Structure formats: C-alpha cells, structure tokens
Amino acid sequence: MKNKNFIINEEDKKLFEGVFFLVEATDAERFFLWKENDESKRVSWEDIMRGYSVQIGTLDKRPVMVTIFYTMLNGKKIMFYEGTSQVVDHKMIELWIQHFSINNIRWDNGTRWAHCNAMNFHHCLEAIKESI
C-alpha cells in the first residue's frame, strides 16, 4: 500500500471473518436490493448488524471512514460497505477491502474475487446458488 495515509490495522481482519461475499452499496442501494430480493423471496434476507464504522486512513488530516453492514442471505454472511466520512478516498477503500479479502474471499471455484457493487449484485446471488 503506497498511500502513506492508509492504515493497515491487523485487528480489522476480524471484520472479514466468515464473510462469503462483499458488496459495495450505499444505504439506499442496500434498501432497494433488500426490497427486490427479500420481498420477492429470491433469498432469505436477515440483517445481523446494523452498522459499524472503521477508520481506514486519513486524507487532508481528516479521517476516511468505511461503514459496514452484515446480512445473512440464504445462510451466507454478506458484507455491505460504503465510504461514509466527510472525505472519501475510493482508491484507499478499495485497497483496504482488497488487503483483507482478495486472497481468501473467492467464488466460481476460487477463480474470482467475491466482490461486486450494487449494480452487479447478481454475482453475489449466483455465488450463493453455486454454493448450495
């Protein structure tokens, strides 16, 4: 990680334990995904944590924060996350997420990183189907 303002806090590794898939989504996007998928009974959707914020670095001496929500979809732990601080460095967030997940949160027989944004949520649903 070349960004001198990027923090690698090894205890953050615990945030990724047991995570099956990662989804970058705002609160509104997560709500619409829930509405479309839980109410239609495509998946069983259970929120298991209402939000946790972690500082992953600084930008202009201001904290860069990521907020995380966990949801169980058909028994699989999904991490939804978004940058929520006054200043948001998307590259810093991507590097932080990758640092803790790119090698061990995989799908498609381990060939692909288990990560998407809200627009590509169908990848998460495909991975859940494959795992059954």
Protein backbone atom coordinates (compact mmCIF):
# COMPACT_ATOMS: atom_id res chain seq x y z
CA MET A 1 0.00 0.00 0.00
CA LYS A 2 1.82 3.08 -1.23
CA ASN A 3 -0.53 5.66 0.31
CA LYS A 4 1.21 6.91 3.46
CA ASN A 5 -2.20 7.84 4.91
CA PHE A 6 -3.51 4.28 4.58
CA ILE A 7 -3.84 2.32 7.83
CA ILE A 8 -3.36 -1.46 7.97
CA ASN A 9 -4.76 -2.42 11.34
CA GLU A 10 -4.49 -6.19 11.68
CA GLU A 11 -7.45 -6.33 14.06
CA ASP A 12 -9.60 -5.19 11.12
CA LYS A 13 -9.04 -8.71 9.75
CA LYS A 14 -11.76 -9.85 12.19
CA LEU A 15 -14.32 -7.80 10.23
CA PHE A 16 -13.86 -10.17 7.28
CA GLU A 17 -14.14 -13.45 9.22
CA GLY A 18 -16.83 -15.72 7.82
CA VAL A 19 -17.72 -13.31 5.02
CA PHE A 20 -18.91 -15.11 1.90
CA PHE A 21 -19.25 -12.10 -0.45
CA LEU A 22 -18.57 -8.33 -0.37
CA VAL A 23 -20.93 -5.75 -1.84
CA GLU A 24 -20.16 -2.05 -2.16
CA ALA A 25 -23.51 -0.32 -1.69
CA THR A 26 -24.98 2.81 -0.14
CA ASP A 27 -27.83 2.59 2.38
CA ALA A 28 -30.34 3.39 -0.37
CA GLU A 29 -28.89 0.75 -2.71
CA ARG A 30 -28.93 -1.84 0.08
CA PHE A 31 -32.57 -0.98 0.82
CA PHE A 32 -33.55 -1.43 -2.83
CA LEU A 33 -31.64 -4.74 -3.03
CA TRP A 34 -33.49 -5.92 0.09
CA LYS A 35 -36.83 -4.78 -1.31
CA GLU A 36 -36.26 -6.53 -4.62
CA ASN A 37 -34.79 -9.77 -3.27
CA ASP A 38 -36.34 -10.41 0.15
CA GLU A 39 -39.87 -9.38 -0.66
CA SER A 40 -39.82 -11.41 -3.89
CA LYS A 41 -38.50 -14.36 -1.85
CA ARG A 42 -35.47 -14.79 -4.12
CA VAL A 43 -33.38 -15.10 -0.99
CA SER A 44 -33.86 -15.23 2.74
CA TRP A 45 -32.54 -11.85 3.96
CA GLU A 46 -31.64 -11.24 7.60
CA ASP A 47 -29.69 -8.18 8.75
CA ILE A 48 -27.32 -9.27 11.52
CA MET A 49 -25.55 -5.99 12.25
CA ARG A 50 -26.94 -2.50 11.79
CA GLY A 51 -23.66 -0.74 11.10
CA TYR A 52 -20.08 -0.48 12.20
CA SER A 53 -17.69 2.31 11.19
CA VAL A 54 -13.95 1.88 10.95
CA GLN A 55 -11.28 4.46 10.17
CA ILE A 56 -9.01 3.16 7.41
CA GLY A 57 -6.82 6.22 6.92
CA THR A 58 -6.68 9.98 6.61
CA LEU A 59 -6.97 12.48 3.81
CA ASP A 60 -6.06 16.13 4.42
CA LYS A 61 -5.73 15.26 8.12
CA ARG A 62 -9.37 14.12 8.16
CA PRO A 63 -10.50 10.54 8.80
CA VAL A 64 -11.53 8.26 5.96
CA MET A 65 -14.30 6.05 7.31
CA VAL A 66 -15.97 2.90 5.99
CA THR A 67 -19.33 1.75 7.33
CA ILE A 68 -20.08 -1.97 7.26
CA PHE A 69 -23.37 -3.84 7.48
CA TYR A 70 -23.63 -7.63 7.65
CA THR A 71 -26.56 -9.55 6.21
CA MET A 72 -27.27 -13.26 6.04
CA LEU A 73 -28.54 -14.26 2.59
CA ASN A 74 -29.68 -17.88 2.50
CA GLY A 75 -27.35 -18.51 5.44
CA LYS A 76 -24.30 -16.82 3.84
CA LYS A 77 -22.67 -13.82 5.54
CA ILE A 78 -22.53 -10.85 3.18
CA MET A 79 -20.58 -7.67 3.97
CA PHE A 80 -22.10 -4.49 2.58
CA TYR A 81 -19.79 -1.49 2.85
CA GLU A 82 -19.56 2.16 1.82
CA GLY A 83 -17.38 5.20 2.40
CA THR A 84 -19.25 7.47 4.82
CA SER A 85 -16.83 10.12 6.06
CA GLN A 86 -16.76 13.79 5.14
CA VAL A 87 -13.91 12.97 2.76
CA VAL A 88 -13.92 9.66 0.91
CA ASP A 89 -10.93 8.20 -0.94
CA HIS A 90 -12.38 5.41 -3.08
CA LYS A 91 -8.95 4.04 -4.00
CA MET A 92 -7.98 3.85 -0.32
CA ILE A 93 -11.21 1.97 0.45
CA GLU A 94 -10.61 -0.43 -2.45
CA LEU A 95 -7.06 -1.14 -1.23
CA TRP A 96 -8.28 -1.72 2.33
CA ILE A 97 -11.03 -4.10 1.20
CA GLN A 98 -8.63 -5.94 -1.11
CA HIS A 99 -5.94 -6.24 1.56
CA PHE A 100 -8.22 -8.26 3.83
CA SER A 101 -10.26 -10.17 1.25
CA ILE A 102 -8.88 -10.61 -2.25
CA ASN A 103 -6.97 -13.81 -1.49
CA ASN A 104 -9.45 -15.60 0.76
CA ILE A 105 -12.98 -14.46 -0.16
CA ARG A 106 -13.42 -16.11 -3.56
CA TRP A 107 -16.15 -17.68 -5.69
CA ASP A 108 -16.53 -19.50 -9.01
CA ASN A 109 -14.33 -22.38 -7.83
CA GLY A 110 -11.84 -19.90 -6.38
CA THR A 111 -11.19 -18.18 -9.70
CA ARG A 112 -12.84 -14.85 -8.87
CA TRP A 113 -12.76 -12.37 -6.02
CA ALA A 114 -16.16 -12.44 -4.29
CA HIS A 115 -16.84 -8.74 -4.65
CA CYS A 116 -19.25 -6.52 -6.56
CA ASN A 117 -21.10 -3.24 -6.43
CA ALA A 118 -24.88 -2.88 -6.08
CA MET A 119 -25.39 -2.81 -9.85
CA ASN A 120 -23.75 -6.24 -10.16
CA PHE A 121 -25.44 -7.82 -7.14
CA HIS A 122 -26.48 -10.72 -9.37
CA HIS A 123 -22.90 -12.02 -8.97
CA CYS A 124 -23.50 -12.39 -5.23
CA LEU A 125 -26.78 -14.21 -5.88
CA GLU A 126 -25.03 -16.50 -8.42
CA ALA A 127 -22.32 -17.34 -5.88
CA ILE A 128 -24.95 -18.22 -3.28
CA LYS A 129 -26.74 -20.51 -5.79
CA GLU A 130 -23.44 -22.20 -6.70
CA SER A 131 -22.65 -22.89 -3.06
CA ILE A 132 -25.80 -24.96 -2.49
